[in-house]
């Protein structure tokens, strides 16, 4: 959905931390779900992850991230993925 720059779909980690998916981004995630396309949340900020997780019902990926407890970096989203999967 995004890389290092924000797009019509979502805001990147580096900017707009309080803003999540745009209306277009919500539609995009919903359409990916409908088409059974796996959604990749890499580079999406925390609000965008929350927005996407409210929509997705199927598995998703964070293709290049790490555990935030190991390296406290905004792109490290393992906590979000773990919570969404119900893993403590």
Foldseek 3Di string as FASTA:
>chain_A
DDDCQADQFAHFQVDDLVDAGDPVNLVVLLVCQVVVHAAACQRGHPRNLVSSLVRHPDHHHPDDADDCVVPVDRRHDVVSVCVSVVHD
